[in-house]
Amino acid sequence: MFDLKKHKVRSKLDMNLLIVTGLQKSGTSLLNRMLMGQSCVSNPFLPEGKFFWGDDPPFSPKASPCGELYQKHLGKRGHYLGESDFRASDERLLMSRVEHAKIKTPILMNKNPYNSVRIKWIKKIFPDAKVVSMFRNPHANVFSLLKKYIDHDNRGIGPENGWWGVKPKNWQEILSDNKIEQLAKQWQSVNQQILNDINDVDLLIEYSDLCSNPNTYLQKIFSLWEDN
């Protein structure tokens, strides 16, 4: 349990912001459900924060702020955003959306796989945010992603122009008719970006470890705010 006596809010938002990242099908939804089961956590920006971040429509977004930046780069950099993409107007917009949510719990959590390739941009806007990244064995992750390319009941949104999920910077180069090869390269590129930004990642969790020791990792997450 998150003990307010041991933790201090370090944010101009007057709350603790938790960002959950990781490629789709890596366990981000599982962690999201675990966290939402805690009374100290709220996640008001569902599904996956697309209306908060502007990831609408998800694969080729146009909404502000992330979709607007996606279109500015003509989609060539995928969902990637770096520190140089920071705009004060985007900071004000996202801050206002948090304030309008009127969260009363000490932790505001958002789970969004697209943020896996935007960690430094997010830290520029929310420097006090804690970032938790999920990763999963590539065989299992790729197999799970592959199901999105097969038409079946409850598939949800299917691929767009041969692509589904997070677009790393080199996404156009790895498009392929061989979807297993494409997904393997997508897994590698997205997780490599997380590793490139590892200094801004507060906790990295492997999917099977979370499944084996859920309470341990919930406590690790809550301890991110413990006073030094």
Protein backbone atom coordinates (compact mmCIF):
# COMPACT_ATOMS: atom_id res chain seq x y z
CA MET A 1 0.00 0.00 0.00
CA PHE A 2 1.15 3.52 -0.79
CA ASP A 3 1.88 5.16 2.57
CA LEU A 4 1.49 8.94 2.34
CA LYS A 5 3.57 9.38 5.49
CA LYS A 6 6.60 7.91 3.73
CA HIS A 7 6.11 9.69 0.42
CA LYS A 8 6.09 13.28 -0.70
CA VAL A 9 4.55 14.64 -3.86
CA ARG A 10 7.32 16.11 -6.02
CA SER A 11 5.35 17.61 -8.88
CA LYS A 12 3.82 20.92 -9.90
CA LEU A 13 0.69 18.85 -10.54
CA ASP A 14 0.33 18.18 -6.78
CA MET A 15 0.25 14.46 -7.47
CA ASN A 16 2.61 11.64 -8.39
CA LEU A 17 2.53 10.80 -12.09
CA LEU A 18 3.27 7.20 -13.16
CA ILE A 19 3.83 6.42 -16.85
CA VAL A 20 3.67 2.75 -17.93
CA THR A 21 5.34 1.98 -21.26
CA GLY A 22 6.27 -1.09 -23.27
CA LEU A 23 5.46 -2.59 -26.67
CA GLN A 24 1.90 -3.84 -27.07
CA LYS A 25 1.42 -7.39 -25.74
CA SER A 26 4.38 -7.05 -23.37
CA GLY A 27 2.28 -6.97 -20.19
CA THR A 28 1.36 -3.29 -19.96
CA SER A 29 -2.37 -4.10 -19.70
CA LEU A 30 -1.71 -6.66 -16.97
CA LEU A 31 0.29 -4.14 -14.95
CA ASN A 32 -2.39 -1.52 -15.58
CA ARG A 33 -5.07 -3.79 -14.11
CA MET A 34 -2.91 -4.59 -11.08
CA LEU A 35 -2.28 -0.91 -10.40
CA MET A 36 -5.91 0.09 -10.91
CA GLY A 37 -6.81 -2.42 -8.22
CA GLN A 38 -4.97 -0.27 -5.68
CA SER A 39 -6.93 2.45 -3.90
CA CYS A 40 -4.04 4.90 -4.20
CA VAL A 41 -3.97 4.82 -8.04
CA SER A 42 -6.25 6.38 -10.66
CA ASN A 43 -6.10 6.03 -14.42
CA PRO A 44 -8.63 8.49 -15.85
CA PHE A 45 -7.29 8.52 -19.41
CA LEU A 46 -8.61 5.36 -21.04
CA PRO A 47 -8.27 3.73 -23.50
CA GLU A 48 -4.49 3.93 -23.30
CA GLY A 49 -4.64 7.70 -22.96
CA LYS A 50 -5.22 8.30 -26.66
CA PHE A 51 -7.39 11.35 -26.00
CA PHE A 52 -4.95 12.67 -23.39
CA TRP A 53 -1.83 12.35 -25.56
CA GLY A 54 -3.54 12.93 -28.91
CA ASP A 55 -2.97 9.43 -30.31
CA ASP A 56 -6.16 9.53 -32.37
CA PRO A 57 -6.48 7.68 -34.65
CA PRO A 58 -3.82 5.46 -33.05
CA PHE A 59 -1.60 4.39 -35.99
CA SER A 60 -1.59 7.70 -37.90
CA PRO A 61 -2.66 10.22 -35.26
CA LYS A 62 -3.78 13.77 -35.96
CA ALA A 63 -4.98 15.06 -32.58
CA SER A 64 -2.94 17.36 -30.32
CA PRO A 65 -0.28 17.16 -29.17
CA CYS A 66 1.28 13.87 -30.34
CA GLY A 67 -0.77 13.48 -33.51
CA GLU A 68 -0.01 17.03 -34.53
CA LEU A 69 3.71 16.33 -34.13
CA TYR A 70 3.32 13.02 -35.98
CA GLN A 71 1.83 14.89 -38.94
CA LYS A 72 4.49 17.60 -38.71
CA HIS A 73 7.09 14.92 -39.45
CA LEU A 74 4.80 13.39 -42.12
CA GLY A 75 4.73 10.15 -40.14
CA LYS A 76 8.30 9.39 -41.16
CA ARG A 77 9.52 9.17 -37.56
CA GLY A 78 6.56 7.09 -36.46
CA HIS A 79 5.40 7.73 -32.91
CA TYR A 80 8.91 8.78 -31.83
CA LEU A 81 9.31 12.12 -30.07
CA GLY A 82 12.50 13.48 -28.52
CA GLU A 83 13.49 16.40 -26.34
CA SER A 84 13.76 18.65 -29.40
CA ASP A 85 10.04 18.15 -30.05
CA PHE A 86 9.16 19.86 -26.78
CA ARG A 87 6.74 22.79 -27.11
CA ALA A 88 5.58 24.91 -24.21
CA SER A 89 2.07 24.91 -25.66
CA ASP A 90 1.96 21.09 -25.45
CA GLU A 91 3.10 21.24 -21.84
CA ARG A 92 0.30 23.67 -21.00
CA LEU A 93 -2.26 21.53 -22.84
CA LEU A 94 -1.31 18.31 -21.04
CA MET A 95 -1.10 20.04 -17.68
CA SER A 96 -4.61 21.41 -18.18
CA ARG A 97 -5.93 17.95 -19.06
CA VAL A 98 -4.48 16.52 -15.86
CA GLU A 99 -5.98 19.33 -13.80
CA HIS A 100 -9.41 18.91 -15.41
CA ALA A 101 -9.37 15.21 -14.50
CA LYS A 102 -9.55 16.26 -10.81
CA ILE A 103 -7.78 13.18 -9.48
CA LYS A 104 -8.04 12.68 -5.72
CA THR A 105 -5.67 9.71 -5.35
CA PRO A 106 -1.95 10.31 -4.69
CA ILE A 107 -0.92 8.55 -7.92
CA LEU A 108 -2.16 9.29 -11.42
CA MET A 109 -1.19 6.41 -13.70
CA ASN A 110 -1.27 6.25 -17.48
CA LYS A 111 -0.51 3.22 -19.62
CA ASN A 112 0.35 3.92 -23.26
CA PRO A 113 2.61 1.69 -25.41
CA TYR A 114 3.27 4.55 -27.85
CA ASN A 115 5.11 6.37 -25.09
CA SER A 116 7.80 3.69 -25.29
CA VAL A 117 9.43 5.78 -28.03
CA ARG A 118 8.75 9.16 -26.36
CA ILE A 119 10.31 8.78 -22.94
CA LYS A 120 12.67 11.75 -23.17
CA TRP A 121 9.90 13.97 -24.55
CA ILE A 122 7.64 12.97 -21.67
CA LYS A 123 10.37 13.65 -19.13
CA LYS A 124 10.86 17.09 -20.65
CA ILE A 125 7.19 17.87 -20.01
CA PHE A 126 6.80 15.93 -16.75
CA PRO A 127 10.30 15.82 -15.18
CA ASP A 128 8.98 14.40 -11.90
CA ALA A 129 7.07 11.55 -13.51
CA LYS A 130 8.13 7.97 -12.80
CA VAL A 131 8.47 5.76 -15.87
CA VAL A 132 7.97 1.99 -15.66
CA SER A 133 8.70 -0.06 -18.79
CA MET A 134 7.55 -3.60 -19.50
CA PHE A 135 9.38 -6.02 -21.77
CA ARG A 136 8.63 -9.59 -22.79
CA ASN A 137 10.41 -12.55 -24.33
CA PRO A 138 10.50 -11.78 -28.09
CA HIS A 139 9.05 -15.16 -29.12
CA ALA A 140 5.97 -14.71 -26.93
CA ASN A 141 5.63 -11.01 -27.74
CA VAL A 142 5.88 -11.52 -31.50
CA PHE A 143 3.46 -14.46 -31.43
CA SER A 144 0.90 -12.37 -29.56
CA LEU A 145 1.32 -9.42 -31.93
CA LEU A 146 0.94 -11.71 -34.94
CA LYS A 147 -2.65 -12.45 -33.94
CA LYS A 148 -3.55 -8.86 -34.83
CA TYR A 149 -2.79 -9.68 -38.48
CA ILE A 150 -5.29 -12.53 -38.52
CA ASP A 151 -8.97 -11.64 -38.87
CA HIS A 152 -10.93 -13.13 -35.97
CA ASP A 153 -13.65 -12.25 -33.48
CA ASN A 154 -12.66 -9.67 -30.84
CA ARG A 155 -9.48 -8.72 -32.72
CA GLY A 156 -10.23 -5.05 -32.25
CA ILE A 157 -8.62 -2.54 -34.60
CA GLY A 158 -6.72 -4.38 -37.34
CA PRO A 159 -3.51 -3.30 -39.10
CA GLU A 160 -3.34 -0.11 -41.14
CA ASN A 161 -1.38 -0.39 -44.39
CA GLY A 162 0.42 -3.47 -43.11
CA TRP A 163 1.28 -2.09 -39.68
CA TRP A 164 -0.11 -2.51 -36.16
CA GLY A 165 1.10 -0.97 -32.91
CA VAL A 166 3.98 1.30 -31.93
CA LYS A 167 5.91 2.80 -34.82
CA PRO A 168 9.60 3.30 -33.98
CA LYS A 169 11.71 5.77 -35.96
CA ASN A 170 12.66 3.19 -38.61
CA TRP A 171 9.19 1.68 -39.01
CA GLN A 172 8.99 2.30 -42.76
CA GLU A 173 12.28 0.48 -43.31
CA ILE A 174 11.08 -2.66 -41.55
CA LEU A 175 7.71 -2.99 -43.28
CA SER A 176 7.61 -6.42 -44.88
CA ASP A 177 5.25 -8.97 -46.37
CA ASN A 178 6.90 -11.39 -43.95
CA LYS A 179 5.06 -10.32 -40.81
CA ILE A 180 7.08 -12.47 -38.44
CA GLU A 181 10.24 -10.75 -39.64
CA GLN A 182 8.55 -7.34 -39.43
CA LEU A 183 7.30 -7.95 -35.91
CA ALA A 184 10.69 -9.23 -34.75
CA LYS A 185 12.29 -6.01 -35.99
CA GLN A 186 9.50 -3.95 -34.43
CA TRP A 187 10.15 -5.69 -31.08
CA GLN A 188 13.88 -5.02 -31.41
CA SER A 189 13.49 -1.35 -32.40
CA VAL A 190 10.96 -0.43 -29.72
CA ASN A 191 12.88 -2.15 -26.95
CA GLN A 192 16.15 -0.67 -28.19
CA GLN A 193 14.62 2.78 -27.88
CA ILE A 194 13.66 2.01 -24.29
CA LEU A 195 17.26 0.93 -23.64
CA ASN A 196 18.55 4.10 -25.31
CA ASP A 197 16.47 6.09 -22.81
CA ILE A 198 17.17 3.81 -19.86
CA ASN A 199 18.52 6.65 -17.72
CA ASP A 200 15.00 8.08 -17.73
CA VAL A 201 13.35 4.74 -16.94
CA ASP A 202 12.78 4.27 -13.22
CA LEU A 203 11.90 0.57 -13.31
CA LEU A 204 12.18 -2.12 -15.99
CA ILE A 205 9.98 -5.19 -15.48
CA GLU A 206 10.08 -8.47 -17.36
CA TYR A 207 6.64 -9.95 -18.02
CA SER A 208 7.27 -13.37 -16.48
CA ASP A 209 8.76 -11.78 -13.36
CA LEU A 210 5.62 -9.69 -12.91
CA CYS A 211 3.45 -12.78 -13.27
CA SER A 212 5.54 -14.67 -10.71
CA ASN A 213 5.87 -11.88 -8.15
CA PRO A 214 3.10 -9.30 -8.67
CA ASN A 215 3.11 -7.93 -5.11
CA THR A 216 6.88 -7.52 -5.16
CA TYR A 217 6.70 -5.35 -8.26
CA LEU A 218 3.79 -3.30 -7.03
CA GLN A 219 5.85 -2.51 -3.96
CA LYS A 220 8.87 -1.67 -6.13
CA ILE A 221 6.72 0.79 -8.05
CA PHE A 222 5.32 2.45 -4.94
CA SER A 223 8.82 2.67 -3.44
CA LEU A 224 9.89 4.88 -6.35
CA TRP A 225 8.49 7.81 -4.36
CA GLU A 226 10.15 6.97 -1.05
CA ASP A 227 12.16 9.80 0.42
CA ASN A 228 15.91 9.34 0.21
